[in-house]
PDB file of all heavy atoms in Angstrom:
ATOM      1  N   ILE A   1     -13.318  -0.427   3.070  1.00  0.00           N
ATOM      2  CA  ILE A   1     -12.049  -0.914   2.405  1.00  0.00           C
ATOM      3  C   ILE A   1     -10.835  -0.436   3.107  1.00  0.00           C
ATOM      4  O   ILE A   1     -10.777   0.698   3.567  1.00  0.00           O
ATOM      5  CB  ILE A   1     -12.057  -0.392   0.861  1.00  0.00           C
ATOM      6  CG1 ILE A   1     -10.862  -1.058   0.157  1.00  0.00           C
ATOM      7  CG2 ILE A   1     -11.951   1.157   0.721  1.00  0.00           C
ATOM      8  CD1 ILE A   1     -10.933  -0.980  -1.389  1.00  0.00           C
ATOM      9  N   CYS A   2      -9.921  -1.333   3.224  1.00  0.00           N
ATOM     10  CA  CYS A   2      -8.624  -1.056   3.855  1.00  0.00           C
ATOM     11  C   CYS A   2      -7.712  -0.903   2.619  1.00  0.00           C
ATOM     12  O   CYS A   2      -7.482  -1.832   1.922  1.00  0.00           O
ATOM     13  CB  CYS A   2      -8.160  -2.143   4.795  1.00  0.00           C
ATOM     14  SG  CYS A   2      -6.527  -1.822   5.507  1.00  0.00           S
ATOM     15  N   VAL A   3      -7.092   0.256   2.475  1.00  0.00           N
ATOM     16  CA  VAL A   3      -6.276   0.589   1.303  1.00  0.00           C
ATOM     17  C   VAL A   3      -4.828   0.749   1.619  1.00  0.00           C
ATOM     18  O   VAL A   3      -4.455   1.070   2.793  1.00  0.00           O
ATOM     19  CB  VAL A   3      -6.715   1.859   0.517  1.00  0.00           C
ATOM     20  CG1 VAL A   3      -8.154   1.701   0.010  1.00  0.00           C
ATOM     21  CG2 VAL A   3      -6.620   3.073   1.475  1.00  0.00           C
ATOM     22  N   SER A   4      -3.932   0.448   0.647  1.00  0.00           N
ATOM     23  CA  SER A   4      -2.515   0.724   0.801  1.00  0.00           C
ATOM     24  C   SER A   4      -2.180   2.170   0.352  1.00  0.00           C
ATOM     25  O   SER A   4      -2.855   2.750  -0.518  1.00  0.00           O
ATOM     26  CB  SER A   4      -1.783  -0.250  -0.086  1.00  0.00           C
ATOM     27  OG  SER A   4      -1.961  -1.699   0.358  1.00  0.00           O
ATOM     28  N   SER A   5      -1.102   2.656   0.894  1.00  0.00           N
ATOM     29  CA  SER A   5      -0.680   4.009   0.573  1.00  0.00           C
ATOM     30  C   SER A   5       0.703   4.062  -0.113  1.00  0.00           C
ATOM     31  O   SER A   5       1.165   5.106  -0.582  1.00  0.00           O
ATOM     32  CB  SER A   5      -0.688   4.936   1.766  1.00  0.00           C
ATOM     33  OG  SER A   5       0.111   4.353   2.915  1.00  0.00           O
ATOM     34  N   GLN A   6       1.465   2.941   0.065  1.00  0.00           N
ATOM     35  CA  GLN A   6       2.826   2.881  -0.486  1.00  0.00           C
ATOM     36  C   GLN A   6       3.021   1.475  -1.080  1.00  0.00           C
ATOM     37  O   GLN A   6       2.228   0.481  -0.694  1.00  0.00           O
ATOM     38  CB  GLN A   6       3.826   2.996   0.580  1.00  0.00           C
ATOM     39  CG  GLN A   6       3.901   4.477   1.149  1.00  0.00           C
ATOM     40  CD  GLN A   6       4.902   4.654   2.224  1.00  0.00           C
ATOM     41  OE1 GLN A   6       4.932   3.826   3.151  1.00  0.00           O
ATOM     42  NE2 GLN A   6       5.733   5.674   2.210  1.00  0.00           N
ATOM     43  N   VAL A   7       3.955   1.272  -1.941  1.00  0.00           N
ATOM     44  CA  VAL A   7       4.373  -0.112  -2.417  1.00  0.00           C
ATOM     45  C   VAL A   7       5.493  -0.460  -1.476  1.00  0.00           C
ATOM     46  O   VAL A   7       6.588  -0.021  -1.577  1.00  0.00           O
ATOM     47  CB  VAL A   7       4.926  -0.010  -3.847  1.00  0.00           C
ATOM     48  CG1 VAL A   7       5.280  -1.461  -4.299  1.00  0.00           C
ATOM     49  CG2 VAL A   7       3.825   0.542  -4.783  1.00  0.00           C
ATOM     50  N   GLY A   8       5.099  -1.299  -0.508  1.00  0.00           N
ATOM     51  CA  GLY A   8       6.069  -1.651   0.505  1.00  0.00           C
ATOM     52  C   GLY A   8       6.064  -0.641   1.630  1.00  0.00           C
ATOM     53  O   GLY A   8       5.267   0.323   1.704  1.00  0.00           O
ATOM     54  N   CYS A   9       6.895  -0.786   2.650  1.00  0.00           N
ATOM     55  CA  CYS A   9       6.974   0.057   3.871  1.00  0.00           C
ATOM     56  C   CYS A   9       8.385   0.167   4.396  1.00  0.00           C
ATOM     57  O   CYS A   9       9.096  -0.839   4.343  1.00  0.00           O
ATOM     58  CB  CYS A   9       5.985  -0.471   4.861  1.00  0.00           C
ATOM     59  SG  CYS A   9       5.848   0.591   6.310  1.00  0.00           S
ATOM     60  N   LYS A  10       8.713   1.329   4.850  1.00  0.00           N
ATOM     61  CA  LYS A  10      10.126   1.594   5.354  1.00  0.00           C
ATOM     62  C   LYS A  10      10.223   1.315   6.933  1.00  0.00           C
ATOM     63  O   LYS A  10      11.244   1.372   7.402  1.00  0.00           O
ATOM     64  CB  LYS A  10      10.484   3.028   5.136  1.00  0.00           C
ATOM     65  CG  LYS A  10      10.424   3.483   3.691  1.00  0.00           C
ATOM     66  CD  LYS A  10      10.730   5.026   3.706  1.00  0.00           C
ATOM     67  CE  LYS A  10      10.459   5.646   2.286  1.00  0.00           C
ATOM     68  NZ  LYS A  10      10.665   7.064   2.322  1.00  0.00           N
ATOM     69  N   MET A  11       9.013   1.136   7.552  1.00  0.00           N
ATOM     70  CA  MET A  11       9.025   1.309   9.024  1.00  0.00           C
ATOM     71  C   MET A  11       9.611   0.129   9.778  1.00  0.00           C
ATOM     72  O   MET A  11      10.061   0.245  10.882  1.00  0.00           O
ATOM     73  CB  MET A  11       7.587   1.575   9.490  1.00  0.00           C
ATOM     74  CG  MET A  11       6.929   2.820   8.923  1.00  0.00           C
ATOM     75  SD  MET A  11       7.919   4.323   9.480  1.00  0.00           S
ATOM     76  CE  MET A  11       8.501   4.919   7.838  1.00  0.00           C
ATOM     77  N   GLY A  12       9.603  -1.103   9.177  1.00  0.00           N
ATOM     78  CA  GLY A  12      10.277  -2.212   9.731  1.00  0.00           C
ATOM     79  C   GLY A  12       9.748  -2.843  10.989  1.00  0.00           C
ATOM     80  O   GLY A  12      10.413  -3.481  11.742  1.00  0.00           O
ATOM     81  N   CYS A  13       8.353  -2.674  11.243  1.00  0.00           N
ATOM     82  CA  CYS A  13       7.805  -3.222  12.433  1.00  0.00           C
ATOM     83  C   CYS A  13       7.909  -4.826  12.329  1.00  0.00           C
ATOM     84  O   CYS A  13       7.551  -5.392  11.304  1.00  0.00           O
ATOM     85  CB  CYS A  13       6.372  -2.807  12.585  1.00  0.00           C
ATOM     86  SG  CYS A  13       6.076  -0.992  12.614  1.00  0.00           S
ATOM     87  N   ASN A  14       8.333  -5.424  13.455  1.00  0.00           N
ATOM     88  CA  ASN A  14       8.743  -6.775  13.312  1.00  0.00           C
ATOM     89  C   ASN A  14       7.602  -7.810  13.349  1.00  0.00           C
ATOM     90  O   ASN A  14       7.793  -9.044  13.289  1.00  0.00           O
ATOM     91  CB  ASN A  14       9.896  -7.197  14.238  1.00  0.00           C
ATOM     92  CG  ASN A  14       9.383  -7.363  15.705  1.00  0.00           C
ATOM     93  OD1 ASN A  14       8.229  -7.124  16.067  1.00  0.00           O
ATOM     94  ND2 ASN A  14      10.410  -7.609  16.593  1.00  0.00           N
ATOM     95  N   PHE A  15       6.301  -7.297  13.609  1.00  0.00           N
ATOM     96  CA  PHE A  15       5.226  -8.161  13.599  1.00  0.00           C
ATOM     97  C   PHE A  15       4.353  -8.043  12.326  1.00  0.00           C
ATOM     98  O   PHE A  15       3.260  -8.635  12.175  1.00  0.00           O
ATOM     99  CB  PHE A  15       4.265  -7.883  14.830  1.00  0.00           C
ATOM    100  CG  PHE A  15       4.005  -6.415  14.928  1.00  0.00           C
ATOM    101  CD1 PHE A  15       2.941  -5.897  14.241  1.00  0.00           C
ATOM    102  CD2 PHE A  15       4.725  -5.611  15.705  1.00  0.00           C
ATOM    103  CE1 PHE A  15       2.610  -4.539  14.283  1.00  0.00           C
ATOM    104  CE2 PHE A  15       4.374  -4.233  15.911  1.00  0.00           C
ATOM    105  CZ  PHE A  15       3.403  -3.703  15.112  1.00  0.00           C
ATOM    106  N   CYS A  16       4.866  -7.271  11.386  1.00  0.00           N
ATOM    107  CA  CYS A  16       4.032  -6.862  10.193  1.00  0.00           C
ATOM    108  C   CYS A  16       4.661  -7.459   8.944  1.00  0.00           C
ATOM    109  O   CYS A  16       5.898  -7.499   8.777  1.00  0.00           O
ATOM    110  CB  CYS A  16       3.946  -5.393  10.103  1.00  0.00           C
ATOM    111  SG  CYS A  16       3.016  -4.729   8.662  1.00  0.00           S
ATOM    112  N   ALA A  17       3.740  -7.919   8.041  1.00  0.00           N
ATOM    113  CA  ALA A  17       4.209  -8.509   6.775  1.00  0.00           C
ATOM    114  C   ALA A  17       4.535  -7.446   5.701  1.00  0.00           C
ATOM    115  O   ALA A  17       5.134  -7.743   4.679  1.00  0.00           O
ATOM    116  CB  ALA A  17       3.216  -9.497   6.297  1.00  0.00           C
ATOM    117  N   SER A  18       4.058  -6.193   5.919  1.00  0.00           N
ATOM    118  CA  SER A  18       4.138  -5.218   4.844  1.00  0.00           C
ATOM    119  C   SER A  18       5.577  -4.831   4.446  1.00  0.00           C
ATOM    120  O   SER A  18       5.805  -4.358   3.335  1.00  0.00           O
ATOM    121  CB  SER A  18       3.422  -3.985   5.265  1.00  0.00           C
ATOM    122  OG  SER A  18       2.020  -4.157   5.389  1.00  0.00           O
ATOM    123  N   THR A  19       6.526  -5.053   5.341  1.00  0.00           N
ATOM    124  CA  THR A  19       7.918  -4.681   5.078  1.00  0.00           C
ATOM    125  C   THR A  19       8.730  -5.772   4.470  1.00  0.00           C
ATOM    126  O   THR A  19       9.841  -5.567   4.052  1.00  0.00           O
ATOM    127  CB  THR A  19       8.614  -4.180   6.360  1.00  0.00           C
ATOM    128  OG1 THR A  19       8.670  -5.362   7.254  1.00  0.00           O
ATOM    129  CG2 THR A  19       7.835  -3.080   7.035  1.00  0.00           C
ATOM    130  N   LEU A  20       8.176  -6.987   4.358  1.00  0.00           N
ATOM    131  CA  LEU A  20       8.962  -8.207   4.008  1.00  0.00           C
ATOM    132  C   LEU A  20       9.466  -8.078   2.642  1.00  0.00           C
ATOM    133  O   LEU A  20      10.659  -8.539   2.370  1.00  0.00           O
ATOM    134  CB  LEU A  20       8.097  -9.408   4.070  1.00  0.00           C
ATOM    135  CG  LEU A  20       7.720  -9.839   5.523  1.00  0.00           C
ATOM    136  CD1 LEU A  20       6.753 -10.987   5.524  1.00  0.00           C
ATOM    137  CD2 LEU A  20       8.945 -10.225   6.346  1.00  0.00           C
ATOM    138  N   ALA A  21       8.799  -7.505   1.653  1.00  0.00           N
ATOM    139  CA  ALA A  21       9.255  -7.473   0.330  1.00  0.00           C
ATOM    140  C   ALA A  21       9.960  -6.148  -0.047  1.00  0.00           C
ATOM    141  O   ALA A  21      10.311  -5.905  -1.207  1.00  0.00           O
ATOM    142  CB  ALA A  21       8.099  -7.715  -0.726  1.00  0.00           C
ATOM    143  N   GLY A  22      10.160  -5.313   0.995  1.00  0.00           N
ATOM    144  CA  GLY A  22      10.908  -4.075   0.763  1.00  0.00           C
ATOM    145  C   GLY A  22      10.035  -2.914   0.294  1.00  0.00           C
ATOM    146  O   GLY A  22       8.949  -3.160  -0.261  1.00  0.00           O
ATOM    147  N   PHE A  23      10.492  -1.695   0.506  1.00  0.00           N
ATOM    148  CA  PHE A  23       9.880  -0.519   0.050  1.00  0.00           C
ATOM    149  C   PHE A  23      10.300  -0.204  -1.396  1.00  0.00           C
ATOM    150  O   PHE A  23      11.564  -0.223  -1.695  1.00  0.00           O
ATOM    151  CB  PHE A  23      10.227   0.715   0.962  1.00  0.00           C
ATOM    152  CG  PHE A  23       9.614   2.024   0.506  1.00  0.00           C
ATOM    153  CD1 PHE A  23       8.267   2.333   0.692  1.00  0.00           C
ATOM    154  CD2 PHE A  23      10.418   2.863  -0.249  1.00  0.00           C
ATOM    155  CE1 PHE A  23       7.773   3.539   0.237  1.00  0.00           C
ATOM    156  CE2 PHE A  23       9.964   4.106  -0.649  1.00  0.00           C
ATOM    157  CZ  PHE A  23       8.642   4.392  -0.456  1.00  0.00           C
ATOM    158  N   LYS A  24       9.285   0.200  -2.213  1.00  0.00           N
ATOM    159  CA  LYS A  24       9.602   0.582  -3.626  1.00  0.00           C
ATOM    160  C   LYS A  24       9.409   1.992  -3.923  1.00  0.00           C
ATOM    161  O   LYS A  24      10.208   2.746  -4.353  1.00  0.00           O
ATOM    162  CB  LYS A  24       8.807  -0.352  -4.566  1.00  0.00           C
ATOM    163  CG  LYS A  24       9.230  -1.840  -4.460  1.00  0.00           C
ATOM    164  CD  LYS A  24      10.683  -2.070  -4.776  1.00  0.00           C
ATOM    165  CE  LYS A  24      10.971  -3.490  -4.832  1.00  0.00           C
ATOM    166  NZ  LYS A  24      12.370  -3.800  -5.236  1.00  0.00           N
ATOM    167  N   ARG A  25       8.108   2.518  -3.593  1.00  0.00           N
ATOM    168  CA  ARG A  25       7.742   3.842  -3.854  1.00  0.00           C
ATOM    169  C   ARG A  25       6.436   4.215  -3.241  1.00  0.00           C
ATOM    170  O   ARG A  25       5.674   3.361  -2.703  1.00  0.00           O
ATOM    171  CB  ARG A  25       7.621   4.003  -5.421  1.00  0.00           C
ATOM    172  CG  ARG A  25       6.462   3.291  -6.042  1.00  0.00           C
ATOM    173  CD  ARG A  25       6.427   3.572  -7.503  1.00  0.00           C
ATOM    174  NE  ARG A  25       5.349   2.838  -8.204  1.00  0.00           N
ATOM    175  CZ  ARG A  25       4.123   3.210  -8.300  1.00  0.00           C
ATOM    176  NH1 ARG A  25       3.628   4.287  -7.697  1.00  0.00           N
ATOM    177  NH2 ARG A  25       3.213   2.529  -8.993  1.00  0.00           N
ATOM    178  N   ASN A  26       6.155   5.509  -3.268  1.00  0.00           N
ATOM    179  CA  ASN A  26       4.839   6.076  -2.845  1.00  0.00           C
ATOM    180  C   ASN A  26       3.811   5.778  -3.883  1.00  0.00           C
ATOM    181  O   ASN A  26       4.101   5.835  -5.060  1.00  0.00           O
ATOM    182  CB  ASN A  26       4.938   7.565  -2.535  1.00  0.00           C
ATOM    183  CG  ASN A  26       5.674   7.852  -1.259  1.00  0.00           C
ATOM    184  OD1 ASN A  26       5.717   7.131  -0.347  1.00  0.00           O
ATOM    185  ND2 ASN A  26       6.364   9.011  -1.218  1.00  0.00           N
ATOM    186  N   LEU A  27       2.568   5.651  -3.500  1.00  0.00           N
ATOM    187  CA  LEU A  27       1.396   5.670  -4.391  1.00  0.00           C
ATOM    188  C   LEU A  27       0.970   7.077  -4.647  1.00  0.00           C
ATOM    189  O   LEU A  27       1.012   7.936  -3.716  1.00  0.00           O
ATOM    190  CB  LEU A  27       0.286   4.829  -3.777  1.00  0.00           C
ATOM    191  CG  LEU A  27       0.492   3.342  -3.585  1.00  0.00           C
ATOM    192  CD1 LEU A  27      -0.785   2.671  -3.117  1.00  0.00           C
ATOM    193  CD2 LEU A  27       0.833   2.690  -4.954  1.00  0.00           C
ATOM    194  N   THR A  28       0.480   7.398  -5.808  1.00  0.00           N
ATOM    195  CA  THR A  28      -0.110   8.656  -6.076  1.00  0.00           C
ATOM    196  C   THR A  28      -1.541   8.703  -5.479  1.00  0.00           C
ATOM    197  O   THR A  28      -2.068   7.613  -5.162  1.00  0.00           O
ATOM    198  CB  THR A  28      -0.190   8.896  -7.578  1.00  0.00           C
ATOM    199  OG1 THR A  28      -1.200   7.972  -8.182  1.00  0.00           O
ATOM    200  CG2 THR A  28       1.105   8.801  -8.231  1.00  0.00           C
ATOM    201  N   ALA A  29      -2.064   9.876  -5.402  1.00  0.00           N
ATOM    202  CA  ALA A  29      -3.488  10.012  -4.917  1.00  0.00           C
ATOM    203  C   ALA A  29      -4.445   9.148  -5.770  1.00  0.00           C
ATOM    204  O   ALA A  29      -5.333   8.437  -5.272  1.00  0.00           O
ATOM    205  CB  ALA A  29      -3.908  11.433  -4.807  1.00  0.00           C
ATOM    206  N   GLY A  30      -4.207   9.259  -7.022  1.00  0.00           N
ATOM    207  CA  GLY A  30      -5.049   8.446  -7.966  1.00  0.00           C
ATOM    208  C   GLY A  30      -4.953   6.943  -7.796  1.00  0.00           C
ATOM    209  O   GLY A  30      -5.890   6.258  -7.884  1.00  0.00           O
ATOM    210  N   GLU A  31      -3.695   6.474  -7.550  1.00  0.00           N
ATOM    211  CA  GLU A  31      -3.536   5.101  -7.355  1.00  0.00           C
ATOM    212  C   GLU A  31      -4.164   4.631  -6.021  1.00  0.00           C
ATOM    213  O   GLU A  31      -4.687   3.459  -5.952  1.00  0.00           O
ATOM    214  CB  GLU A  31      -2.006   4.724  -7.295  1.00  0.00           C
ATOM    215  CG  GLU A  31      -1.376   4.767  -8.661  1.00  0.00           C
ATOM    216  CD  GLU A  31       0.180   4.575  -8.606  1.00  0.00           C
ATOM    217  OE1 GLU A  31       0.772   5.070  -7.679  1.00  0.00           O
ATOM    218  OE2 GLU A  31       0.658   3.954  -9.528  1.00  0.00           O
ATOM    219  N   ILE A  32      -4.159   5.441  -5.042  1.00  0.00           N
ATOM    220  CA  ILE A  32      -4.803   5.046  -3.801  1.00  0.00           C
ATOM    221  C   ILE A  32      -6.256   4.937  -4.033  1.00  0.00           C
ATOM    222  O   ILE A  32      -7.025   3.948  -3.664  1.00  0.00           O
ATOM    223  CB  ILE A  32      -4.560   6.053  -2.704  1.00  0.00           C
ATOM    224  CG1 ILE A  32      -3.051   6.116  -2.381  1.00  0.00           C
ATOM    225  CG2 ILE A  32      -5.289   5.636  -1.457  1.00  0.00           C
ATOM    226  CD1 ILE A  32      -2.632   7.239  -1.451  1.00  0.00           C
ATOM    227  N   GLU A  33      -6.863   5.958  -4.744  1.00  0.00           N
ATOM    228  CA  GLU A  33      -8.355   5.877  -4.979  1.00  0.00           C
ATOM    229  C   GLU A  33      -8.730   4.711  -5.982  1.00  0.00           C
ATOM    230  O   GLU A  33      -9.815   4.136  -5.842  1.00  0.00           O
ATOM    231  CB  GLU A  33      -8.773   7.223  -5.610  1.00  0.00           C
ATOM    232  CG  GLU A  33     -10.320   7.295  -5.671  1.00  0.00           C
ATOM    233  CD  GLU A  33     -10.813   8.456  -6.534  1.00  0.00           C
ATOM    234  OE1 GLU A  33     -10.123   8.991  -7.448  1.00  0.00           O
ATOM    235  OE2 GLU A  33     -11.897   8.935  -6.205  1.00  0.00           O
ATOM    236  N   SER A  34      -7.834   4.433  -6.866  1.00  0.00           N
ATOM    237  CA  SER A  34      -8.143   3.352  -7.816  1.00  0.00           C
ATOM    238  C   SER A  34      -8.445   2.044  -7.133  1.00  0.00           C
ATOM    239  O   SER A  34      -9.139   1.192  -7.690  1.00  0.00           O
ATOM    240  CB  SER A  34      -6.961   3.095  -8.746  1.00  0.00           C
ATOM    241  OG  SER A  34      -6.781   4.235  -9.579  1.00  0.00           O
ATOM    242  N   GLN A  35      -7.961   1.807  -5.909  1.00  0.00           N
ATOM    243  CA  GLN A  35      -8.251   0.602  -5.205  1.00  0.00           C
ATOM    244  C   GLN A  35      -9.789   0.469  -4.818  1.00  0.00           C
ATOM    245  O   GLN A  35     -10.369  -0.539  -4.934  1.00  0.00           O
ATOM    246  CB  GLN A  35      -7.430   0.578  -3.872  1.00  0.00           C
ATOM    247  CG  GLN A  35      -5.939   0.459  -4.132  1.00  0.00           C
ATOM    248  CD  GLN A  35      -5.122   0.762  -2.867  1.00  0.00           C
ATOM    249  OE1 GLN A  35      -5.090  -0.043  -1.962  1.00  0.00           O
ATOM    250  NE2 GLN A  35      -4.446   1.828  -2.830  1.00  0.00           N
ATOM    251  N   LEU A  36     -10.371   1.693  -4.516  1.00  0.00           N
ATOM    252  CA  LEU A  36     -11.808   1.728  -4.285  1.00  0.00           C
ATOM    253  C   LEU A  36     -12.552   1.455  -5.571  1.00  0.00           C
ATOM    254  O   LEU A  36     -13.513   0.628  -5.536  1.00  0.00           O
ATOM    255  CB  LEU A  36     -12.204   3.114  -3.791  1.00  0.00           C
ATOM    256  CG  LEU A  36     -12.071   3.428  -2.313  1.00  0.00           C
ATOM    257  CD1 LEU A  36     -10.634   3.774  -1.970  1.00  0.00           C
ATOM    258  CD2 LEU A  36     -12.951   4.531  -1.872  1.00  0.00           C
ATOM    259  N   HIS A  37     -12.190   2.091  -6.664  1.00  0.00           N
ATOM    260  CA  HIS A  37     -12.846   1.861  -7.876  1.00  0.00           C
ATOM    261  C   HIS A  37     -12.825   0.470  -8.384  1.00  0.00           C
ATOM    262  O   HIS A  37     -13.857  -0.138  -8.848  1.00  0.00           O
ATOM    263  CB  HIS A  37     -12.272   2.784  -9.011  1.00  0.00           C
ATOM    264  CG  HIS A  37     -12.527   4.244  -8.792  1.00  0.00           C
ATOM    265  ND1 HIS A  37     -11.647   5.177  -9.078  1.00  0.00           N
ATOM    266  CD2 HIS A  37     -13.609   4.878  -8.240  1.00  0.00           C
ATOM    267  CE1 HIS A  37     -12.141   6.426  -8.724  1.00  0.00           C
ATOM    268  NE2 HIS A  37     -13.377   6.219  -8.278  1.00  0.00           N
ATOM    269  N   ALA A  38     -11.616  -0.133  -8.209  1.00  0.00           N
ATOM    270  CA  ALA A  38     -11.469  -1.585  -8.769  1.00  0.00           C
ATOM    271  C   ALA A  38     -12.374  -2.451  -7.972  1.00  0.00           C
ATOM    272  O   ALA A  38     -13.065  -3.334  -8.466  1.00  0.00           O
ATOM    273  CB  ALA A  38     -10.027  -1.952  -8.660  1.00  0.00           C
ATOM    274  N   ALA A  39     -12.448  -2.294  -6.587  1.00  0.00           N
ATOM    275  CA  ALA A  39     -13.202  -3.161  -5.772  1.00  0.00           C
ATOM    276  C   ALA A  39     -14.701  -2.926  -6.038  1.00  0.00           C
ATOM    277  O   ALA A  39     -15.448  -3.830  -6.053  1.00  0.00           O
ATOM    278  CB  ALA A  39     -12.888  -2.905  -4.323  1.00  0.00           C
ATOM    279  N   GLN A  40     -15.106  -1.575  -6.117  1.00  0.00           N
ATOM    280  CA  GLN A  40     -16.546  -1.345  -6.354  1.00  0.00           C
ATOM    281  C   GLN A  40     -17.041  -1.924  -7.679  1.00  0.00           C
ATOM    282  O   GLN A  40     -18.120  -2.491  -7.815  1.00  0.00           O
ATOM    283  CB  GLN A  40     -16.776   0.133  -6.344  1.00  0.00           C
ATOM    284  CG  GLN A  40     -16.615   0.808  -4.974  1.00  0.00           C
ATOM    285  CD  GLN A  40     -17.163   2.255  -4.918  1.00  0.00           C
ATOM    286  OE1 GLN A  40     -17.670   2.695  -3.901  1.00  0.00           O
ATOM    287  NE2 GLN A  40     -16.983   2.994  -6.051  1.00  0.00           N
ATOM    288  N   HIS A  41     -16.187  -1.737  -8.669  1.00  0.00           N
ATOM    289  CA  HIS A  41     -16.577  -2.276 -10.015  1.00  0.00           C
ATOM    290  C   HIS A  41     -16.699  -3.833  -9.986  1.00  0.00           C
ATOM    291  O   HIS A  41     -17.564  -4.430 -10.580  1.00  0.00           O
ATOM    292  CB  HIS A  41     -15.649  -1.786 -11.032  1.00  0.00           C
ATOM    293  CG  HIS A  41     -15.739  -0.380 -11.369  1.00  0.00           C
ATOM    294  ND1 HIS A  41     -14.804   0.416 -12.163  1.00  0.00           N
ATOM    295  CD2 HIS A  41     -16.688   0.565 -10.984  1.00  0.00           C
ATOM    296  CE1 HIS A  41     -15.168   1.614 -12.193  1.00  0.00           C
ATOM    297  NE2 HIS A  41     -16.296   1.778 -11.490  1.00  0.00           N
TER     298      HIS A  41
END
């Protein structure tokens, strides 16, 4: 699984879509892990 670590991204790399909708906040450790649980279930 490829997981996200933030809601959006600050880095601004011009070949990447992750920055397009802007940076909002960091994910908690639990939110990062929840991506695994949701996919596994």
